[in-house]
């Protein structure tokens, strides 16, 4: 297995990658980095772990929405980005953010 050093939201990570999977891994890294930077740049959330959770949920939601629209079963394989406008995104994320805030409590940590 090959290792690739990547940057996500300005921090370096060393990731394992199967031979021949570099392009797919880099595409995934770029999607995650873009999703996390968009949330961070929105200015409401500062904690890296919360940004990562929201980005992961957004990407999973988009992948499932795209697959459902095309008539297939929800899947996480090769997600295609779905563009939501700001209002749609806020409507979908607001209840989730409230639930995360409640679970995280005052210290912003899961444990």
PDB file of N, CA and C in Angstrom:
ATOM      1  N   UNK A   1       0.849  -1.174   0.000  1.00  0.00           N
ATOM      2  CA  UNK A   1       0.000   0.000   0.000  1.00  0.00           C
ATOM      3  C   UNK A   1       0.896   1.239   0.000  1.00  0.00           C
ATOM      4  N   UNK A   2       0.516   2.177  -0.799  1.00  0.00           N
ATOM      5  CA  UNK A   2       1.244   3.421  -0.956  1.00  0.00           C
ATOM      6  C   UNK A   2       0.733   4.439   0.067  1.00  0.00           C
ATOM      7  N   UNK A   3       1.573   5.391   0.451  1.00  0.00           N
ATOM      8  CA  UNK A   3       1.138   6.460   1.343  1.00  0.00           C
ATOM      9  C   UNK A   3       1.240   7.792   0.619  1.00  0.00           C
ATOM     10  N   UNK A   4       0.203   8.619   0.794  1.00  0.00           N
ATOM     11  CA  UNK A   4       0.179   9.947   0.192  1.00  0.00           C
ATOM     12  C   UNK A   4       0.037  10.983   1.306  1.00  0.00           C
ATOM     13  N   UNK A   5       0.794  12.049   1.187  1.00  0.00           N
ATOM     14  CA  UNK A   5       0.637  13.158   2.114  1.00  0.00           C
ATOM     15  C   UNK A   5      -0.288  14.179   1.463  1.00  0.00           C
ATOM     16  N   UNK A   6      -1.348  14.538   2.178  1.00  0.00           N
ATOM     17  CA  UNK A   6      -2.349  15.450   1.637  1.00  0.00           C
ATOM     18  C   UNK A   6      -2.600  16.579   2.630  1.00  0.00           C
ATOM     19  N   UNK A   7      -3.249  17.630   2.149  1.00  0.00           N
ATOM     20  CA  UNK A   7      -3.639  18.760   2.988  1.00  0.00           C
ATOM     21  C   UNK A   7      -5.156  18.868   2.982  1.00  0.00           C
ATOM     22  N   UNK A   8      -5.732  18.921   4.184  1.00  0.00           N
ATOM     23  CA  UNK A   8      -7.164  19.158   4.329  1.00  0.00           C
ATOM     24  C   UNK A   8      -7.325  20.293   5.322  1.00  0.00           C
ATOM     25  N   UNK A   9      -7.938  21.348   4.883  1.00  0.00           N
ATOM     26  CA  UNK A   9      -8.163  22.539   5.690  1.00  0.00           C
ATOM     27  C   UNK A   9      -6.857  23.034   6.328  1.00  0.00           C
ATOM     28  N   UNK A  10      -5.793  22.983   5.535  1.00  0.00           N
ATOM     29  CA  UNK A  10      -4.507  23.510   5.974  1.00  0.00           C
ATOM     30  C   UNK A  10      -3.679  22.605   6.860  1.00  0.00           C
ATOM     31  N   UNK A  11      -4.137  21.399   7.135  1.00  0.00           N
ATOM     32  CA  UNK A  11      -3.388  20.459   7.963  1.00  0.00           C
ATOM     33  C   UNK A  11      -2.991  19.246   7.143  1.00  0.00           C
ATOM     34  N   UNK A  12      -1.778  18.756   7.388  1.00  0.00           N
ATOM     35  CA  UNK A  12      -1.268  17.620   6.648  1.00  0.00           C
ATOM     36  C   UNK A  12      -1.713  16.294   7.239  1.00  0.00           C
ATOM     37  N   UNK A  13      -1.988  15.342   6.359  1.00  0.00           N
ATOM     38  CA  UNK A  13      -2.365  13.989   6.752  1.00  0.00           C
ATOM     39  C   UNK A  13      -1.616  13.009   5.864  1.00  0.00           C
ATOM     40  N   UNK A  14      -1.167  11.914   6.445  1.00  0.00           N
ATOM     41  CA  UNK A  14      -0.536  10.839   5.691  1.00  0.00           C
ATOM     42  C   UNK A  14      -1.568   9.721   5.564  1.00  0.00           C
ATOM     43  N   UNK A  15      -1.990   9.442   4.340  1.00  0.00           N
ATOM     44  CA  UNK A  15      -3.067   8.488   4.098  1.00  0.00           C
ATOM     45  C   UNK A  15      -2.562   7.275   3.337  1.00  0.00           C
ATOM     46  N   UNK A  16      -3.054   6.108   3.710  1.00  0.00           N
ATOM     47  CA  UNK A  16      -2.770   4.897   2.956  1.00  0.00           C
ATOM     48  C   UNK A  16      -3.621   4.873   1.699  1.00  0.00           C
ATOM     49  N   UNK A  17      -3.029   4.380   0.620  1.00  0.00           N
ATOM     50  CA  UNK A  17      -3.733   4.376  -0.665  1.00  0.00           C
ATOM     51  C   UNK A  17      -3.334   3.130  -1.450  1.00  0.00           C
ATOM     52  N   UNK A  18      -4.318   2.370  -1.936  1.00  0.00           N
ATOM     53  CA  UNK A  18      -3.967   1.207  -2.760  1.00  0.00           C
ATOM     54  C   UNK A  18      -3.336   1.656  -4.075  1.00  0.00           C
ATOM     55  N   UNK A  19      -2.474   0.817  -4.599  1.00  0.00           N
ATOM     56  CA  UNK A  19      -1.836   1.121  -5.884  1.00  0.00           C
ATOM     57  C   UNK A  19      -2.897   1.397  -6.940  1.00  0.00           C
ATOM     58  N   UNK A  20      -2.714   2.463  -7.676  1.00  0.00           N
ATOM     59  CA  UNK A  20      -3.651   2.839  -8.732  1.00  0.00           C
ATOM     60  C   UNK A  20      -4.852   3.639  -8.243  1.00  0.00           C
ATOM     61  N   UNK A  21      -4.949   3.880  -6.946  1.00  0.00           N
ATOM     62  CA  UNK A  21      -6.087   4.602  -6.399  1.00  0.00           C
ATOM     63  C   UNK A  21      -5.812   6.058  -6.096  1.00  0.00           C
ATOM     64  N   UNK A  22      -4.644   6.551  -6.523  1.00  0.00           N
ATOM     65  CA  UNK A  22      -4.233   7.913  -6.185  1.00  0.00           C
ATOM     66  C   UNK A  22      -5.220   8.973  -6.680  1.00  0.00           C
ATOM     67  N   UNK A  23      -5.681   8.845  -7.899  1.00  0.00           N
ATOM     68  CA  UNK A  23      -6.585   9.857  -8.466  1.00  0.00           C
ATOM     69  C   UNK A  23      -7.910   9.900  -7.705  1.00  0.00           C
ATOM     70  N   UNK A  24      -8.455   8.728  -7.386  1.00  0.00           N
ATOM     71  CA  UNK A  24      -9.713   8.695  -6.631  1.00  0.00           C
ATOM     72  C   UNK A  24      -9.531   9.251  -5.223  1.00  0.00           C
ATOM     73  N   UNK A  25      -8.415   8.907  -4.592  1.00  0.00           N
ATOM     74  CA  UNK A  25      -8.162   9.421  -3.249  1.00  0.00           C
ATOM     75  C   UNK A  25      -8.008  10.939  -3.277  1.00  0.00           C
ATOM     76  N   UNK A  26      -7.282  11.456  -4.249  1.00  0.00           N
ATOM     77  CA  UNK A  26      -7.097  12.909  -4.334  1.00  0.00           C
ATOM     78  C   UNK A  26      -8.414  13.625  -4.636  1.00  0.00           C
ATOM     79  N   UNK A  27      -9.264  13.007  -5.454  1.00  0.00           N
ATOM     80  CA  UNK A  27     -10.580  13.601  -5.715  1.00  0.00           C
ATOM     81  C   UNK A  27     -11.391  13.651  -4.418  1.00  0.00           C
ATOM     82  N   UNK A  28     -11.322  12.583  -3.621  1.00  0.00           N
ATOM     83  CA  UNK A  28     -12.034  12.555  -2.339  1.00  0.00           C
ATOM     84  C   UNK A  28     -11.458  13.598  -1.384  1.00  0.00           C
ATOM     85  N   UNK A  29     -10.144  13.705  -1.325  1.00  0.00           N
ATOM     86  CA  UNK A  29      -9.490  14.707  -0.472  1.00  0.00           C
ATOM     87  C   UNK A  29      -9.941  16.109  -0.876  1.00  0.00           C
ATOM     88  N   UNK A  30      -9.981  16.366  -2.160  1.00  0.00           N
ATOM     89  CA  UNK A  30     -10.394  17.694  -2.641  1.00  0.00           C
ATOM     90  C   UNK A  30     -11.843  17.989  -2.285  1.00  0.00           C
ATOM     91  N   UNK A  31     -12.733  16.978  -2.385  1.00  0.00           N
ATOM     92  CA  UNK A  31     -14.136  17.175  -2.002  1.00  0.00           C
ATOM     93  C   UNK A  31     -14.268  17.464  -0.517  1.00  0.00           C
ATOM     94  N   UNK A  32     -13.556  16.696   0.300  1.00  0.00           N
ATOM     95  CA  UNK A  32     -13.619  16.887   1.755  1.00  0.00           C
ATOM     96  C   UNK A  32     -13.036  18.251   2.130  1.00  0.00           C
ATOM     97  N   UNK A  33     -11.900  18.604   1.548  1.00  0.00           N
ATOM     98  CA  UNK A  33     -11.271  19.891   1.839  1.00  0.00           C
ATOM     99  C   UNK A  33     -12.204  21.043   1.468  1.00  0.00           C
ATOM    100  N   UNK A  34     -12.811  20.971   0.296  1.00  0.00           N
ATOM    101  CA  UNK A  34     -13.722  22.033  -0.141  1.00  0.00           C
ATOM    102  C   UNK A  34     -14.934  22.132   0.786  1.00  0.00           C
ATOM    103  N   UNK A  35     -15.497  20.980   1.169  1.00  0.00           N
ATOM    104  CA  UNK A  35     -16.670  20.976   2.050  1.00  0.00           C
ATOM    105  C   UNK A  35     -16.319  21.550   3.419  1.00  0.00           C
ATOM    106  N   UNK A  36     -15.172  21.164   3.960  1.00  0.00           N
ATOM    107  CA  UNK A  36     -14.770  21.658   5.284  1.00  0.00           C
ATOM    108  C   UNK A  36     -14.443  23.149   5.243  1.00  0.00           C
ATOM    109  N   UNK A  37     -13.749  23.588   4.212  1.00  0.00           N
ATOM    110  CA  UNK A  37     -13.398  25.012   4.100  1.00  0.00           C
ATOM    111  C   UNK A  37     -14.650  25.874   3.937  1.00  0.00           C
ATOM    112  N   UNK A  38     -15.634  25.375   3.218  1.00  0.00           N
ATOM    113  CA  UNK A  38     -16.887  26.115   3.035  1.00  0.00           C
ATOM    114  C   UNK A  38     -17.590  26.318   4.375  1.00  0.00           C
ATOM    115  N   UNK A  39     -17.634  25.275   5.195  1.00  0.00           N
ATOM    116  CA  UNK A  39     -18.257  25.379   6.513  1.00  0.00           C
ATOM    117  C   UNK A  39     -17.452  26.324   7.398  1.00  0.00           C
ATOM    118  N   UNK A  40     -16.136  26.155   7.414  1.00  0.00           N
ATOM    119  CA  UNK A  40     -15.271  27.027   8.217  1.00  0.00           C
ATOM    120  C   UNK A  40     -15.422  28.481   7.796  1.00  0.00           C
ATOM    121  N   UNK A  41     -15.435  28.732   6.504  1.00  0.00           N
ATOM    122  CA  UNK A  41     -15.511  30.099   5.993  1.00  0.00           C
ATOM    123  C   UNK A  41     -16.883  30.732   6.225  1.00  0.00           C
ATOM    124  N   UNK A  42     -17.892  29.890   6.504  1.00  0.00           N
ATOM    125  CA  UNK A  42     -19.206  30.414   6.867  1.00  0.00           C
ATOM    126  C   UNK A  42     -19.160  31.161   8.191  1.00  0.00           C
ATOM    127  N   UNK A  43     -18.150  30.871   9.009  1.00  0.00           N
ATOM    128  CA  UNK A  43     -17.883  31.629  10.219  1.00  0.00           C
ATOM    129  C   UNK A  43     -18.647  31.240  11.462  1.00  0.00           C
ATOM    130  N   UNK A  44     -19.621  30.344  11.364  1.00  0.00           N
ATOM    131  CA  UNK A  44     -20.423  30.022  12.549  1.00  0.00           C
ATOM    132  C   UNK A  44     -19.795  28.915  13.388  1.00  0.00           C
ATOM    133  N   UNK A  45     -18.990  28.072  12.784  1.00  0.00           N
ATOM    134  CA  UNK A  45     -18.429  26.915  13.482  1.00  0.00           C
ATOM    135  C   UNK A  45     -16.911  26.980  13.399  1.00  0.00           C
ATOM    136  N   UNK A  46     -16.265  26.841  14.536  1.00  0.00           N
ATOM    137  CA  UNK A  46     -14.806  26.939  14.589  1.00  0.00           C
ATOM    138  C   UNK A  46     -14.116  25.617  14.885  1.00  0.00           C
ATOM    139  N   UNK A  47     -14.779  24.723  15.629  1.00  0.00           N
ATOM    140  CA  UNK A  47     -14.145  23.477  16.047  1.00  0.00           C
ATOM    141  C   UNK A  47     -13.961  22.545  14.852  1.00  0.00           C
ATOM    142  N   UNK A  48     -12.721  22.115  14.644  1.00  0.00           N
ATOM    143  CA  UNK A  48     -12.371  21.269  13.506  1.00  0.00           C
ATOM    144  C   UNK A  48     -13.179  19.973  13.489  1.00  0.00           C
ATOM    145  N   UNK A  49     -13.398  19.360  14.654  1.00  0.00           N
ATOM    146  CA  UNK A  49     -14.138  18.097  14.672  1.00  0.00           C
ATOM    147  C   UNK A  49     -15.596  18.299  14.274  1.00  0.00           C
ATOM    148  N   UNK A  50     -16.198  19.394  14.680  1.00  0.00           N
ATOM    149  CA  UNK A  50     -17.582  19.674  14.287  1.00  0.00           C
ATOM    150  C   UNK A  50     -17.667  19.977  12.800  1.00  0.00           C
ATOM    151  N   UNK A  51     -16.681  20.710  12.289  1.00  0.00           N
ATOM    152  CA  UNK A  51     -16.634  20.993  10.848  1.00  0.00           C
ATOM    153  C   UNK A  51     -16.525  19.688  10.073  1.00  0.00           C
ATOM    154  N   UNK A  52     -15.675  18.766  10.545  1.00  0.00           N
ATOM    155  CA  UNK A  52     -15.494  17.479   9.864  1.00  0.00           C
ATOM    156  C   UNK A  52     -16.787  16.660   9.871  1.00  0.00           C
ATOM    157  N   UNK A  53     -17.481  16.637  11.006  1.00  0.00           N
ATOM    158  CA  UNK A  53     -18.741  15.889  11.093  1.00  0.00           C
ATOM    159  C   UNK A  53     -19.765  16.465  10.133  1.00  0.00           C
ATOM    160  N   UNK A  54     -19.911  17.781  10.123  1.00  0.00           N
ATOM    161  CA  UNK A  54     -20.888  18.408   9.225  1.00  0.00           C
ATOM    162  C   UNK A  54     -20.527  18.183   7.762  1.00  0.00           C
ATOM    163  N   UNK A  55     -19.247  18.282   7.435  1.00  0.00           N
ATOM    164  CA  UNK A  55     -18.829  18.038   6.052  1.00  0.00           C
ATOM    165  C   UNK A  55     -19.131  16.595   5.650  1.00  0.00           C
ATOM    166  N   UNK A  56     -18.845  15.651   6.537  1.00  0.00           N
ATOM    167  CA  UNK A  56     -19.123  14.244   6.238  1.00  0.00           C
ATOM    168  C   UNK A  56     -20.618  14.013   6.037  1.00  0.00           C
ATOM    169  N   UNK A  57     -21.423  14.607   6.901  1.00  0.00           N
ATOM    170  CA  UNK A  57     -22.872  14.465   6.762  1.00  0.00           C
ATOM    171  C   UNK A  57     -23.374  15.092   5.470  1.00  0.00           C
ATOM    172  N   UNK A  58     -22.854  16.272   5.127  1.00  0.00           N
ATOM    173  CA  UNK A  58     -23.244  16.914   3.874  1.00  0.00           C
ATOM    174  C   UNK A  58     -22.891  16.042   2.670  1.00  0.00           C
ATOM    175  N   UNK A  59     -21.679  15.506   2.653  1.00  0.00           N
ATOM    176  CA  UNK A  59     -21.249  14.688   1.527  1.00  0.00           C
ATOM    177  C   UNK A  59     -22.066  13.403   1.432  1.00  0.00           C
ATOM    178  N   UNK A  60     -22.363  12.779   2.573  1.00  0.00           N
ATOM    179  CA  UNK A  60     -23.180  11.564   2.567  1.00  0.00           C
ATOM    180  C   UNK A  60     -24.604  11.872   2.100  1.00  0.00           C
ATOM    181  N   UNK A  61     -25.156  12.975   2.584  1.00  0.00           N
ATOM    182  CA  UNK A  61     -26.503  13.376   2.165  1.00  0.00           C
ATOM    183  C   UNK A  61     -26.541  13.617   0.659  1.00  0.00           C
ATOM    184  N   UNK A  62     -25.563  14.329   0.150  1.00  0.00           N
ATOM    185  CA  UNK A  62     -25.501  14.625  -1.281  1.00  0.00           C
ATOM    186  C   UNK A  62     -25.374  13.351  -2.096  1.00  0.00           C
ATOM    187  N   UNK A  63     -24.541  12.413  -1.632  1.00  0.00           N
ATOM    188  CA  UNK A  63     -24.364  11.155  -2.361  1.00  0.00           C
ATOM    189  C   UNK A  63     -25.666  10.372  -2.394  1.00  0.00           C
ATOM    190  N   UNK A  64     -26.347  10.297  -1.264  1.00  0.00           N
ATOM    191  CA  UNK A  64     -27.621   9.568  -1.210  1.00  0.00           C
ATOM    192  C   UNK A  64     -28.694  10.258  -2.028  1.00  0.00           C
ATOM    193  N   UNK A  65     -28.738  11.593  -1.979  1.00  0.00           N
ATOM    194  CA  UNK A  65     -29.734  12.335  -2.753  1.00  0.00           C
ATOM    195  C   UNK A  65     -29.522  12.123  -4.243  1.00  0.00           C
ATOM    196  N   UNK A  66     -28.283  12.158  -4.685  1.00  0.00           N
ATOM    197  CA  UNK A  66     -27.987  11.949  -6.106  1.00  0.00           C
ATOM    198  C   UNK A  66     -28.368  10.546  -6.556  1.00  0.00           C
ATOM    199  N   UNK A  67     -28.056   9.567  -5.726  1.00  0.00           N
ATOM    200  CA  UNK A  67     -28.355   8.187  -6.091  1.00  0.00           C
ATOM    201  C   UNK A  67     -29.856   7.954  -6.117  1.00  0.00           C
ATOM    202  N   UNK A  68     -30.574   8.509  -5.159  1.00  0.00           N
ATOM    203  CA  UNK A  68     -32.032   8.363  -5.108  1.00  0.00           C
ATOM    204  C   UNK A  68     -32.680   9.032  -6.312  1.00  0.00           C
ATOM    205  N   UNK A  69     -32.184  10.219  -6.696  1.00  0.00           N
ATOM    206  CA  UNK A  69     -32.725  10.934  -7.856  1.00  0.00           C
ATOM    207  C   UNK A  69     -32.545  10.134  -9.138  1.00  0.00           C
ATOM    208  N   UNK A  70     -31.473   9.347  -9.210  1.00  0.00           N
ATOM    209  CA  UNK A  70     -31.219   8.578 -10.431  1.00  0.00           C
ATOM    210  C   UNK A  70     -31.927   7.228 -10.401  1.00  0.00           C
ATOM    211  N   UNK A  71     -32.740   6.994  -9.346  1.00  0.00           N
ATOM    212  CA  UNK A  71     -33.530   5.771  -9.281  1.00  0.00           C
ATOM    213  C   UNK A  71     -32.856   4.623  -8.582  1.00  0.00           C
ATOM    214  N   UNK A  72     -31.658   4.817  -8.061  1.00  0.00           N
ATOM    215  CA  UNK A  72     -30.946   3.746  -7.376  1.00  0.00           C
ATOM    216  C   UNK A  72     -31.165   3.778  -5.884  1.00  0.00           C
ATOM    217  N   UNK A  73     -30.610   2.801  -5.231  1.00  0.00           N
ATOM    218  CA  UNK A  73     -30.644   2.754  -3.771  1.00  0.00           C
ATOM    219  C   UNK A  73     -29.563   3.688  -3.236  1.00  0.00           C
ATOM    220  N   UNK A  74     -29.784   4.300  -2.058  1.00  0.00           N
ATOM    221  CA  UNK A  74     -28.754   5.148  -1.464  1.00  0.00           C
ATOM    222  C   UNK A  74     -27.451   4.381  -1.307  1.00  0.00           C
ATOM    223  N   UNK A  75     -26.358   5.054  -1.633  1.00  0.00           N
ATOM    224  CA  UNK A  75     -25.043   4.428  -1.574  1.00  0.00           C
ATOM    225  C   UNK A  75     -24.005   5.487  -1.262  1.00  0.00           C
ATOM    226  N   UNK A  76     -22.852   5.055  -0.737  1.00  0.00           N
ATOM    227  CA  UNK A  76     -21.760   5.997  -0.484  1.00  0.00           C
ATOM    228  C   UNK A  76     -20.657   5.836  -1.524  1.00  0.00           C
ATOM    229  N   UNK A  77     -20.820   4.967  -2.498  1.00  0.00           N
ATOM    230  CA  UNK A  77     -19.794   4.741  -3.510  1.00  0.00           C
ATOM    231  C   UNK A  77     -19.774   5.871  -4.529  1.00  0.00           C
ATOM    232  N   UNK A  78     -18.612   6.410  -4.788  1.00  0.00           N
ATOM    233  CA  UNK A  78     -18.414   7.467  -5.771  1.00  0.00           C
ATOM    234  C   UNK A  78     -19.487   8.549  -5.729  1.00  0.00           C
ATOM    235  N   UNK A  79     -19.561   9.315  -4.631  1.00  0.00           N
ATOM    236  CA  UNK A  79     -20.582  10.361  -4.558  1.00  0.00           C
ATOM    237  C   UNK A  79     -20.365  11.434  -5.602  1.00  0.00           C
ATOM    238  N   UNK A  80     -21.456  11.926  -6.145  1.00  0.00           N
ATOM    239  CA  UNK A  80     -21.431  13.034  -7.087  1.00  0.00           C
ATOM    240  C   UNK A  80     -21.891  14.277  -6.336  1.00  0.00           C
ATOM    241  N   UNK A  81     -21.195  15.401  -6.456  1.00  0.00           N
ATOM    242  CA  UNK A  81     -21.609  16.571  -5.699  1.00  0.00           C
ATOM    243  C   UNK A  81     -22.974  17.097  -6.134  1.00  0.00           C
ATOM    244  N   UNK A  82     -23.785  17.487  -5.161  1.00  0.00           N
ATOM    245  CA  UNK A  82     -25.087  18.078  -5.390  1.00  0.00           C
ATOM    246  C   UNK A  82     -25.022  19.493  -4.863  1.00  0.00           C
ATOM    247  N   UNK A  83     -25.442  20.452  -5.631  1.00  0.00           N
ATOM    248  CA  UNK A  83     -25.381  21.838  -5.204  1.00  0.00           C
ATOM    249  C   UNK A  83     -26.703  22.244  -4.578  1.00  0.00           C
ATOM    250  N   UNK A  84     -26.619  22.736  -3.349  1.00  0.00           N
ATOM    251  CA  UNK A  84     -27.785  23.259  -2.651  1.00  0.00           C
ATOM    252  C   UNK A  84     -27.581  24.756  -2.497  1.00  0.00           C
ATOM    253  N   UNK A  85     -28.663  25.523  -2.622  1.00  0.00           N
ATOM    254  CA  UNK A  85     -28.504  26.944  -2.375  1.00  0.00           C
ATOM    255  C   UNK A  85     -28.417  27.172  -0.869  1.00  0.00           C
ATOM    256  N   UNK A  86     -28.070  28.378  -0.465  1.00  0.00           N
ATOM    257  CA  UNK A  86     -27.832  28.681   0.946  1.00  0.00           C
ATOM    258  C   UNK A  86     -29.072  28.390   1.803  1.00  0.00           C
ATOM    259  N   UNK A  87     -30.246  28.750   1.327  1.00  0.00           N
ATOM    260  CA  UNK A  87     -31.473  28.539   2.096  1.00  0.00           C
ATOM    261  C   UNK A  87     -31.747  27.053   2.285  1.00  0.00           C
ATOM    262  N   UNK A  88     -31.610  26.269   1.219  1.00  0.00           N
ATOM    263  CA  UNK A  88     -31.818  24.831   1.323  1.00  0.00           C
ATOM    264  C   UNK A  88     -30.832  24.212   2.307  1.00  0.00           C
ATOM    265  N   UNK A  89     -29.600  24.632   2.209  1.00  0.00           N
ATOM    266  CA  UNK A  89     -28.566  24.117   3.101  1.00  0.00           C
ATOM    267  C   UNK A  89     -28.878  24.465   4.552  1.00  0.00           C
ATOM    268  N   UNK A  90     -29.281  25.719   4.804  1.00  0.00           N
ATOM    269  CA  UNK A  90     -29.619  26.139   6.165  1.00  0.00           C
ATOM    270  C   UNK A  90     -30.800  25.352   6.708  1.00  0.00           C
ATOM    271  N   UNK A  91     -31.826  25.132   5.877  1.00  0.00           N
ATOM    272  CA  UNK A  91     -33.009  24.395   6.314  1.00  0.00           C
ATOM    273  C   UNK A  91     -32.632  22.964   6.691  1.00  0.00           C
ATOM    274  N   UNK A  92     -31.749  22.347   5.920  1.00  0.00           N
ATOM    275  CA  UNK A  92     -31.345  20.975   6.194  1.00  0.00           C
ATOM    276  C   UNK A  92     -30.405  20.876   7.389  1.00  0.00           C
ATOM    277  N   UNK A  93     -29.531  21.845   7.535  1.00  0.00           N
ATOM    278  CA  UNK A  93     -28.507  21.760   8.569  1.00  0.00           C
ATOM    279  C   UNK A  93     -28.928  22.293   9.927  1.00  0.00           C
ATOM    280  N   UNK A  94     -29.857  23.225   9.980  1.00  0.00           N
ATOM    281  CA  UNK A  94     -30.217  23.852  11.254  1.00  0.00           C
ATOM    282  C   UNK A  94     -30.663  22.844  12.309  1.00  0.00           C
ATOM    283  N   UNK A  95     -31.581  21.918  11.992  1.00  0.00           N
ATOM    284  CA  UNK A  95     -31.958  20.933  13.018  1.00  0.00           C
ATOM    285  C   UNK A  95     -30.780  20.050  13.439  1.00  0.00           C
ATOM    286  N   UNK A  96     -29.928  19.705  12.489  1.00  0.00           N
ATOM    287  CA  UNK A  96     -28.762  18.899  12.800  1.00  0.00           C
ATOM    288  C   UNK A  96     -27.802  19.655  13.713  1.00  0.00           C
ATOM    289  N   UNK A  97     -27.579  20.928  13.432  1.00  0.00           N
ATOM    290  CA  UNK A  97     -26.699  21.735  14.272  1.00  0.00           C
ATOM    291  C   UNK A  97     -27.245  21.853  15.690  1.00  0.00           C
ATOM    292  N   UNK A  98     -28.552  22.026  15.827  1.00  0.00           N
ATOM    293  CA  UNK A  98     -29.157  22.095  17.166  1.00  0.00           C
ATOM    294  C   UNK A  98     -28.940  20.786  17.916  1.00  0.00           C
ATOM    295  N   UNK A  99     -29.123  19.663  17.215  1.00  0.00           N
ATOM    296  CA  UNK A  99     -28.914  18.364  17.858  1.00  0.00           C
ATOM    297  C   UNK A  99     -27.454  18.167  18.239  1.00  0.00           C
ATOM    298  N   UNK A 100     -26.537  18.568  17.360  1.00  0.00           N
ATOM    299  CA  UNK A 100     -25.110  18.463  17.677  1.00  0.00           C
ATOM    300  C   UNK A 100     -24.761  19.325  18.881  1.00  0.00           C
ATOM    301  N   UNK A 101     -25.265  20.545  18.922  1.00  0.00           N
ATOM    302  CA  UNK A 101     -25.003  21.419  20.060  1.00  0.00           C
ATOM    303  C   UNK A 101     -25.496  20.798  21.351  1.00  0.00           C
ATOM    304  N   UNK A 102     -26.668  20.186  21.303  1.00  0.00           N
ATOM    305  CA  UNK A 102     -27.240  19.562  22.493  1.00  0.00           C
ATOM    306  C   UNK A 102     -26.368  18.386  22.949  1.00  0.00           C
ATOM    307  N   UNK A 103     -25.933  17.560  22.006  1.00  0.00           N
ATOM    308  CA  UNK A 103     -25.114  16.399  22.339  1.00  0.00           C
ATOM    309  C   UNK A 103     -23.726  16.818  22.822  1.00  0.00           C
ATOM    310  N   UNK A 104     -23.137  17.803  22.151  1.00  0.00           N
ATOM    311  CA  UNK A 104     -21.786  18.233  22.511  1.00  0.00           C
ATOM    312  C   UNK A 104     -21.749  18.987  23.822  1.00  0.00           C
ATOM    313  N   UNK A 105     -22.834  19.666  24.168  1.00  0.00           N
ATOM    314  CA  UNK A 105     -22.862  20.417  25.429  1.00  0.00           C
ATOM    315  C   UNK A 105     -21.970  21.634  25.374  1.00  0.00           C
ATOM    316  N   UNK A 106     -21.670  22.167  26.549  1.00  0.00           N
ATOM    317  CA  UNK A 106     -20.925  23.422  26.657  1.00  0.00           C
ATOM    318  C   UNK A 106     -19.464  23.316  26.225  1.00  0.00           C
ATOM    319  N   UNK A 107     -18.847  22.136  26.426  1.00  0.00           N
ATOM    320  CA  UNK A 107     -17.418  22.034  26.109  1.00  0.00           C
ATOM    321  C   UNK A 107     -17.151  21.696  24.656  1.00  0.00           C
ATOM    322  N   UNK A 108     -18.187  21.332  23.871  1.00  0.00           N
ATOM    323  CA  UNK A 108     -18.014  21.048  22.449  1.00  0.00           C
ATOM    324  C   UNK A 108     -17.312  19.730  22.168  1.00  0.00           C
ATOM    325  N   UNK A 109     -17.279  18.821  23.161  1.00  0.00           N
ATOM    326  CA  UNK A 109     -16.598  17.540  22.977  1.00  0.00           C
ATOM    327  C   UNK A 109     -17.588  16.406  23.137  1.00  0.00           C
ATOM    328  N   UNK A 110     -17.375  15.338  22.378  1.00  0.00           N
ATOM    329  CA  UNK A 110     -18.245  14.174  22.473  1.00  0.00           C
ATOM    330  C   UNK A 110     -17.980  13.366  23.741  1.00  0.00           C
ATOM    331  N   UNK A 111     -16.735  13.304  24.200  1.00  0.00           N
ATOM    332  CA  UNK A 111     -16.385  12.491  25.365  1.00  0.00           C
ATOM    333  C   UNK A 111     -15.774  13.366  26.443  1.00  0.00           C
TER     334      UNK A 111
END
